[in-house]
Amino acid sequence: MKSPGNERGFTMLEALIAVAILLMAMTAIAGMLIQCSRIGMSQRLAANTQSDARSSLALILGKLRTAGWDPMSAGLQVVQLDTNLGDNISEIETFADLDADGDTDGLNEQVLIRHVGDRIEWRREASGSFEILAIGVSNDSDGNGAPEPMFVPDSTTNPTRVVVQITAESPELDPVTRAPIRFTVASEVVFRKKL
């Protein structure tokens, strides 16, 4: 039988070793939590960037698919391509007689879509003002600082189709790679008739 005087507690050395092991475990857990948080933020940035690019593309494709709608056979123009290729503004104008009155004077009948700087804008009637459709669009898919054209027709004189390419860029740097997240979407639209 042990006497009460023979019981021992932890020595100071044993307590220090236990505290050191606990601190190392807590440091490892904190590091894992920080890394998981960075990965989660990176995934949210990527998802938002992809969503922005796809949404913008869907709106633009909708307008391009109505181009050339001419129910009164008035001989309306289908699209007007970018006439100034050296100004770093990529644009296209669509024409459609949506209200079947023989002209393109109504809302959404003459739409000018353009990429300027980091945004996509459109003007939904000839005398209207520009509205921002999307922000954070660099159209710089390769990251070299020079934006690629947003609209690439199969012909500059008589286009029958156009490829629309949008590269969205995250507003913040990816916390994992420390670089912007870029996401590019593209689609081809065939016009209703030749110009």
Foldseek 3Di string as FASTA:
>chain_A
DDDPVPDDDDDPVVVVVVVVVVVVVVVVVVVVVVVVVLVVVLVVLQVVQVVQQVVLVVVVLVLLAQFPAAPPPLVDDRKDADPDPPPLKGKMWGAHDPVNPSGQQDFQGIKMWIDDAFFIWMARGPPGDIDTPGGQWHCCQPPPNRHDHQWAFPDNPKGQKIKGKTKGWGPAARSVPRHIDIDMDIDMDGHPDID
